Amino acid sequence: MAAPVRIVHVLLYALAITTLVLSAVCISGCVGSSGTSPGETAAGPGTAPAWRIDHAVIVVDNLTEARERFAAAGFSVVAGGEHGGNDTENALVPFEDGSYLELFAPVNPAMATEMKALVASGTFDAAMQQENAMDSRFMRHLADGPGPEDFALSSPGLNLSAAQADAGQQGIILAGPIPMSRTRPDGIDVKWHVDVPVSGDTAAVPFIIADDTPRSYRVPGGADAMQPNNVTGIKRIVIRTQDQENVTQWYDTVLPGVPASTNGSATTYMLNGSTIEVRQGVAGTQQDGIAEIVLAQGSGGELVLDNSTWE
């Protein structure tokens, strides 16, 4: 296997200043198909979810600049559109394996600065009381600044309500199913639901997504997914946490039956075509959350996006 190639300085953005707009930020969600309740899809009896990394989220301050920087790094970027509430927007970097990178940005760049101010003043939680768990989660991502901030898992036939109930019986709290939406530049409305973790080290665990509208509405494919730099998909996401015991318990509970192995201070979960690696963090260093997004290349090589890229 070729040695990993690290993309250095893909995104370096300056935060602008403006006023806060607090309204629903519909970002990612999960869902049903006809004949099912929101957040549910039909699945056969005893069917085990085939979990996969659906997409990874990279927060940027300016979407136009982000698209240009990713294009310069050999990526093909597709316009995503504005989320419900019209406060945030995205662009997508789709891959052959069906996964993608979401470049997530506020429509008004000043929103990120305002979120930082709320966190610094200790009033962020109070300001988010009227927002749903997904909106609050992504507003916190804006406050944390540019870089890899989140990721989603999905599975064909997933019943979000059942996943929420099953996790709850084990003490894992998932908020949802929460309805989400986005309007594409061509006017097509994309809809989905999500289950969102709200207990424990939420920065170290993903949200769960399922589609109401066809997944092809949300995720570009075909020629759009053929990347000029030969990246074919998300191969691995590496998580750093100060609370590895409870974080691995979260994954064990929410992803029952997923093969896992532990080597030293790292536990790896083997999903359908990708892996999640949970590492013990070192106190006083980088914050908990995504440490690396490892992208697979058709040649057998890797491209690695890590936190140092945005520092």
Protein backbone atom coordinates (compact mmCIF):
# COMPACT_ATOMS: atom_id res chain seq x y z
CA MET A 1 0.00 0.00 0.00
CA ALA A 2 1.32 3.43 -0.84
CA ALA A 3 2.29 5.66 2.05
CA PRO A 4 -0.38 8.16 3.13
CA VAL A 5 -0.17 11.54 1.45
CA ARG A 6 -1.27 14.39 3.63
CA ILE A 7 -3.10 17.33 2.17
CA VAL A 8 -1.57 20.38 3.80
CA HIS A 9 -3.39 23.64 4.17
CA VAL A 10 -6.44 22.66 2.15
CA LEU A 11 -8.59 25.13 4.01
CA LEU A 12 -7.50 28.22 5.95
CA TYR A 13 -10.30 30.66 6.49
CA ALA A 14 -10.69 33.96 8.29
CA LEU A 15 -13.83 34.44 10.37
CA ALA A 16 -15.99 37.48 9.48
CA ILE A 17 -18.10 39.46 11.98
CA THR A 18 -21.90 39.92 11.88
CA THR A 19 -25.15 39.29 13.66
CA LEU A 20 -26.54 36.03 14.90
CA VAL A 21 -29.38 34.39 13.09
CA LEU A 22 -30.96 31.70 15.24
CA SER A 23 -33.38 29.67 13.24
CA ALA A 24 -33.70 26.07 12.28
CA VAL A 25 -30.59 24.79 10.60
CA CYS A 26 -31.57 21.66 8.77
CA ILE A 27 -28.40 19.86 8.02
CA SER A 28 -28.52 16.15 7.89
CA GLY A 29 -31.26 13.75 8.63
CA CYS A 30 -32.79 10.43 8.43
CA VAL A 31 -35.66 8.78 7.01
CA GLY A 32 -38.45 6.66 5.66
CA SER A 33 -40.01 5.45 2.51
CA SER A 34 -43.65 5.34 1.49
CA GLY A 35 -45.73 3.39 3.96
CA THR A 36 -43.38 4.02 6.89
CA SER A 37 -43.24 6.59 9.66
CA PRO A 38 -40.69 9.45 9.51
CA GLY A 39 -37.25 8.16 10.40
CA GLU A 40 -38.10 4.60 9.40
CA THR A 41 -37.56 2.38 6.40
CA ALA A 42 -38.87 -1.07 5.89
CA ALA A 43 -36.54 -3.89 6.91
CA GLY A 44 -37.03 -7.62 6.99
CA PRO A 45 -37.39 -9.46 10.30
CA GLY A 46 -34.05 -10.07 11.97
CA THR A 47 -32.16 -7.99 9.41
CA ALA A 48 -28.92 -6.58 10.86
CA PRO A 49 -28.04 -3.05 9.73
CA ALA A 50 -25.17 -2.89 7.21
CA TRP A 51 -23.60 0.20 8.75
CA ARG A 52 -21.46 2.46 6.63
CA ILE A 53 -19.91 5.90 6.85
CA ASP A 54 -22.49 7.98 5.00
CA HIS A 55 -20.51 11.22 4.89
CA ALA A 56 -18.08 13.41 6.82
CA VAL A 57 -18.64 17.09 7.57
CA ILE A 58 -15.96 19.74 7.14
CA VAL A 59 -16.88 23.17 8.47
CA VAL A 60 -15.70 26.13 6.40
CA ASP A 61 -16.20 29.88 6.78
CA ASN A 62 -16.64 30.69 3.11
CA LEU A 63 -18.13 28.11 0.77
CA THR A 64 -16.86 29.71 -2.43
CA GLU A 65 -13.28 29.77 -1.16
CA ALA A 66 -13.61 26.21 0.12
CA ARG A 67 -14.77 24.95 -3.26
CA GLU A 68 -11.81 26.64 -4.93
CA ARG A 69 -9.31 25.16 -2.48
CA PHE A 70 -10.70 21.66 -2.81
CA ALA A 71 -10.72 21.98 -6.60
CA ALA A 72 -7.06 23.03 -6.44
CA ALA A 73 -6.37 19.83 -4.47
CA GLY A 74 -7.82 17.74 -7.31
CA PHE A 75 -11.39 17.30 -6.09
CA SER A 76 -14.58 17.74 -8.08
CA VAL A 77 -17.08 19.71 -5.96
CA VAL A 78 -20.85 19.79 -6.48
CA ALA A 79 -23.13 22.58 -5.22
CA GLY A 80 -25.46 21.26 -2.52
CA GLY A 81 -27.79 24.17 -1.80
CA GLU A 82 -29.26 25.83 1.28
CA HIS A 83 -30.65 23.99 4.27
CA GLY A 84 -34.14 24.63 5.62
CA GLY A 85 -34.11 27.97 7.43
CA ASN A 86 -31.74 29.40 4.80
CA ASP A 87 -28.99 30.09 7.33
CA THR A 88 -26.49 27.47 6.19
CA GLU A 89 -25.44 25.92 2.91
CA ASN A 90 -23.18 23.18 1.63
CA ALA A 91 -21.21 21.79 -1.24
CA LEU A 92 -20.44 18.11 -1.73
CA VAL A 93 -17.40 16.08 -2.73
CA PRO A 94 -18.96 12.75 -3.78
CA PHE A 95 -17.07 9.47 -4.19
CA GLU A 96 -17.51 6.26 -6.15
CA ASP A 97 -18.27 4.24 -3.01
CA GLY A 98 -21.35 6.39 -2.30
CA SER A 99 -19.86 8.36 0.58
CA TYR A 100 -19.02 12.06 0.37
CA LEU A 101 -17.49 15.05 2.10
CA GLU A 102 -19.88 17.84 3.04
CA LEU A 103 -18.41 21.33 3.05
CA PHE A 104 -20.69 23.09 5.52
CA ALA A 105 -20.84 26.87 5.88
CA PRO A 106 -23.07 29.66 7.19
CA VAL A 107 -24.79 31.66 4.46
CA ASN A 108 -23.75 34.76 6.41
CA PRO A 109 -20.08 34.25 7.43
CA ALA A 110 -20.64 36.33 10.56
CA MET A 111 -22.71 33.55 12.13
CA ALA A 112 -19.56 31.62 13.01
CA THR A 113 -18.13 34.61 14.85
CA GLU A 114 -21.36 35.06 16.77
CA MET A 115 -21.38 31.40 17.79
CA LYS A 116 -17.81 31.73 19.04
CA ALA A 117 -18.89 34.73 21.12
CA LEU A 118 -21.75 32.74 22.65
CA VAL A 119 -19.40 29.93 23.64
CA ALA A 120 -16.80 32.35 25.03
CA SER A 121 -19.44 34.12 27.13
CA GLY A 122 -20.86 30.87 28.48
CA THR A 123 -24.30 31.61 27.00
CA PHE A 124 -24.28 29.15 24.08
CA ASP A 125 -26.44 26.50 25.78
CA ALA A 126 -29.01 29.09 26.85
CA ALA A 127 -29.15 30.53 23.34
CA MET A 128 -29.77 27.05 21.91
CA GLN A 129 -32.61 26.07 24.25
CA GLN A 130 -35.26 26.59 21.60
CA GLU A 131 -33.28 24.79 18.88
CA ASN A 132 -33.43 21.08 18.15
CA ALA A 133 -30.45 18.83 18.90
CA MET A 134 -29.19 18.84 15.31
CA ASP A 135 -29.29 22.62 14.96
CA SER A 136 -27.49 23.04 18.28
CA ARG A 137 -24.86 20.46 17.31
CA PHE A 138 -24.04 22.22 14.05
CA MET A 139 -24.06 25.70 15.54
CA ARG A 140 -21.45 24.41 17.98
CA HIS A 141 -19.45 23.16 15.00
CA LEU A 142 -19.47 26.70 13.60
CA ALA A 143 -18.20 27.97 16.96
CA ASP A 144 -15.37 25.43 16.93
CA GLY A 145 -14.16 26.80 13.61
CA PRO A 146 -12.99 25.35 10.28
CA GLY A 147 -12.01 21.71 10.04
CA PRO A 148 -13.43 18.17 10.20
CA GLU A 149 -16.22 18.37 12.74
CA ASP A 150 -18.70 15.54 12.28
CA PHE A 151 -19.76 12.45 10.40
CA ALA A 152 -22.89 10.41 9.78
CA LEU A 153 -23.64 6.71 9.64
CA SER A 154 -26.39 5.12 7.58
CA SER A 155 -27.74 1.69 6.77
CA PRO A 156 -30.31 0.38 4.28
CA GLY A 157 -33.59 -0.48 5.99
CA LEU A 158 -32.72 1.47 9.12
CA ASN A 159 -35.54 2.23 11.57
CA LEU A 160 -34.46 5.35 13.45
CA SER A 161 -37.18 5.12 16.07
CA ALA A 162 -36.17 1.54 16.87
CA ALA A 163 -32.48 2.52 16.98
CA GLN A 164 -33.32 5.32 19.38
CA ALA A 165 -35.37 3.02 21.62
CA ASP A 166 -32.75 0.25 21.62
CA ALA A 167 -30.00 2.69 22.56
CA GLY A 168 -32.18 4.24 25.27
CA GLN A 169 -32.62 0.88 26.96
CA GLN A 170 -28.83 0.80 27.36
CA GLY A 171 -28.61 4.36 28.68
CA ILE A 172 -27.58 5.95 25.37
CA ILE A 173 -29.72 8.99 24.56
CA LEU A 174 -30.43 9.81 20.92
CA ALA A 175 -32.65 12.78 20.07
CA GLY A 176 -34.92 12.20 17.11
CA PRO A 177 -35.94 11.30 14.58
CA ILE A 178 -35.48 14.97 13.62
CA PRO A 179 -36.70 16.08 10.16
CA MET A 180 -34.18 17.86 7.94
CA SER A 181 -34.20 19.36 4.46
CA ARG A 182 -32.17 21.10 1.80
CA THR A 183 -33.10 22.78 -1.49
CA ARG A 184 -30.71 22.01 -4.31
CA PRO A 185 -29.68 24.69 -6.83
CA ASP A 186 -31.95 22.98 -9.40
CA GLY A 187 -34.95 23.51 -7.09
CA ILE A 188 -35.33 19.89 -5.94
CA ASP A 189 -36.13 19.53 -2.25
CA VAL A 190 -34.15 16.89 -0.38
CA LYS A 191 -35.59 15.50 2.86
CA TRP A 192 -34.31 13.16 5.54
CA HIS A 193 -34.34 12.50 9.31
CA VAL A 194 -31.59 12.07 11.88
CA ASP A 195 -30.99 10.58 15.30
CA VAL A 196 -28.54 12.78 17.23
CA PRO A 197 -26.43 11.78 20.27
CA VAL A 198 -27.01 14.11 23.21
CA SER A 199 -25.30 12.29 26.08
CA GLY A 200 -21.65 11.57 26.83
CA ASP A 201 -18.79 12.72 24.59
CA THR A 202 -20.97 13.78 21.67
CA ALA A 203 -17.99 15.15 19.73
CA ALA A 204 -16.58 11.63 19.45
CA VAL A 205 -19.68 9.91 18.07
CA PRO A 206 -21.68 10.39 14.84
CA PHE A 207 -25.28 11.19 14.11
CA ILE A 208 -27.39 8.66 12.21
CA ILE A 209 -29.10 9.53 8.94
CA ALA A 210 -31.78 8.03 6.70
CA ASP A 211 -33.51 9.47 3.66
CA ASP A 212 -37.14 10.39 3.04
CA THR A 213 -36.53 11.31 -0.60
CA PRO A 214 -34.36 8.99 -2.74
CA ARG A 215 -30.75 8.97 -1.58
CA SER A 216 -29.70 9.97 -5.10
CA TYR A 217 -31.37 13.34 -4.45
CA ARG A 218 -28.99 13.96 -1.54
CA VAL A 219 -25.84 12.22 -2.80
CA PRO A 220 -24.48 12.91 -6.30
CA GLY A 221 -23.29 9.90 -8.28
CA GLY A 222 -22.19 8.96 -11.76
CA ALA A 223 -19.67 11.32 -13.37
CA ASP A 224 -19.88 13.69 -10.37
CA ALA A 225 -18.42 10.96 -8.15
CA MET A 226 -15.39 10.31 -10.38
CA GLN A 227 -12.71 12.37 -8.68
CA PRO A 228 -9.80 13.74 -10.78
CA ASN A 229 -7.35 12.91 -7.97
CA ASN A 230 -8.50 9.27 -8.00
CA VAL A 231 -10.06 9.36 -4.52
CA THR A 232 -12.74 6.69 -4.41
CA GLY A 233 -14.26 7.04 -0.95
CA ILE A 234 -13.95 7.48 2.80
CA LYS A 235 -11.78 4.65 4.03
CA ARG A 236 -11.41 5.44 7.71
CA ILE A 237 -12.35 8.03 10.32
CA VAL A 238 -10.08 8.32 13.34
CA ILE A 239 -11.62 9.63 16.55
CA ARG A 240 -9.75 11.05 19.54
CA THR A 241 -11.44 11.06 22.96
CA GLN A 242 -10.51 11.57 26.60
CA ASP A 243 -13.25 9.12 27.55
CA GLN A 244 -12.43 6.07 25.45
CA GLU A 245 -14.20 3.58 27.70
CA ASN A 246 -17.58 5.28 27.46
CA VAL A 247 -17.16 6.20 23.80
CA THR A 248 -16.43 2.60 22.81
CA GLN A 249 -19.42 1.57 24.90
CA TRP A 250 -21.51 3.98 22.80
CA TYR A 251 -20.35 2.36 19.57
CA ASP A 252 -20.83 -1.14 21.00
CA THR A 253 -24.40 -0.23 21.98
CA VAL A 254 -25.51 1.68 18.89
CA LEU A 255 -23.74 -0.63 16.43
CA PRO A 256 -24.48 -4.09 17.84
CA GLY A 257 -22.92 -6.90 15.87
CA VAL A 258 -20.34 -4.71 14.14
CA PRO A 259 -16.94 -6.47 14.28
CA ALA A 260 -14.44 -4.64 16.48
CA SER A 261 -10.82 -5.16 17.47
CA THR A 262 -8.60 -3.50 20.05
CA ASN A 263 -4.89 -2.91 19.59
CA GLY A 264 -3.24 -1.04 22.43
CA SER A 265 -5.14 2.21 23.01
CA ALA A 266 -7.17 2.03 19.79
CA THR A 267 -10.43 0.22 19.05
CA THR A 268 -11.43 -0.26 15.42
CA TYR A 269 -14.98 -0.87 14.20
CA MET A 270 -15.26 -2.55 10.81
CA LEU A 271 -18.23 -1.23 8.87
CA ASN A 272 -19.37 -1.93 5.32
CA GLY A 273 -16.41 -0.70 3.25
CA SER A 274 -14.92 1.57 5.90
CA THR A 275 -13.72 1.67 9.51
CA ILE A 276 -13.96 3.88 12.59
CA GLU A 277 -10.91 3.97 14.84
CA VAL A 278 -11.34 5.26 18.40
CA ARG A 279 -8.12 6.38 20.06
CA GLN A 280 -7.42 7.51 23.60
CA GLY A 281 -6.65 11.22 23.60
CA VAL A 282 -3.98 12.94 25.65
CA ALA A 283 -5.18 15.45 28.22
CA GLY A 284 -4.31 19.05 27.42
CA THR A 285 -3.74 18.46 23.71
CA GLN A 286 -6.27 18.62 20.88
CA GLN A 287 -9.98 18.58 21.61
CA ASP A 288 -12.07 15.44 21.32
CA GLY A 289 -13.58 14.58 17.96
CA ILE A 290 -12.33 13.71 14.49
CA ALA A 291 -8.55 13.43 14.33
CA GLU A 292 -8.31 12.17 10.74
CA ILE A 293 -10.48 11.56 7.70
CA VAL A 294 -8.64 9.00 5.59
CA LEU A 295 -9.67 8.88 1.94
CA ALA A 296 -9.02 5.84 -0.28
CA GLN A 297 -7.44 6.16 -3.70
CA GLY A 298 -7.98 3.74 -6.55
CA SER A 299 -4.25 3.11 -6.74
CA GLY A 300 -4.27 1.74 -3.18
CA GLY A 301 -2.92 4.94 -1.68
CA GLU A 302 -4.51 7.27 0.87
CA LEU A 303 -5.13 10.98 1.30
CA VAL A 304 -5.40 12.14 4.89
CA LEU A 305 -7.26 15.18 6.13
CA ASP A 306 -6.32 15.89 9.73
CA ASN A 307 -6.71 18.67 12.27
CA SER A 308 -3.30 20.18 11.50
CA THR A 309 -4.60 21.02 8.04
CA TRP A 310 -6.71 23.80 9.56
CA GLU A 311 -4.35 25.03 12.29
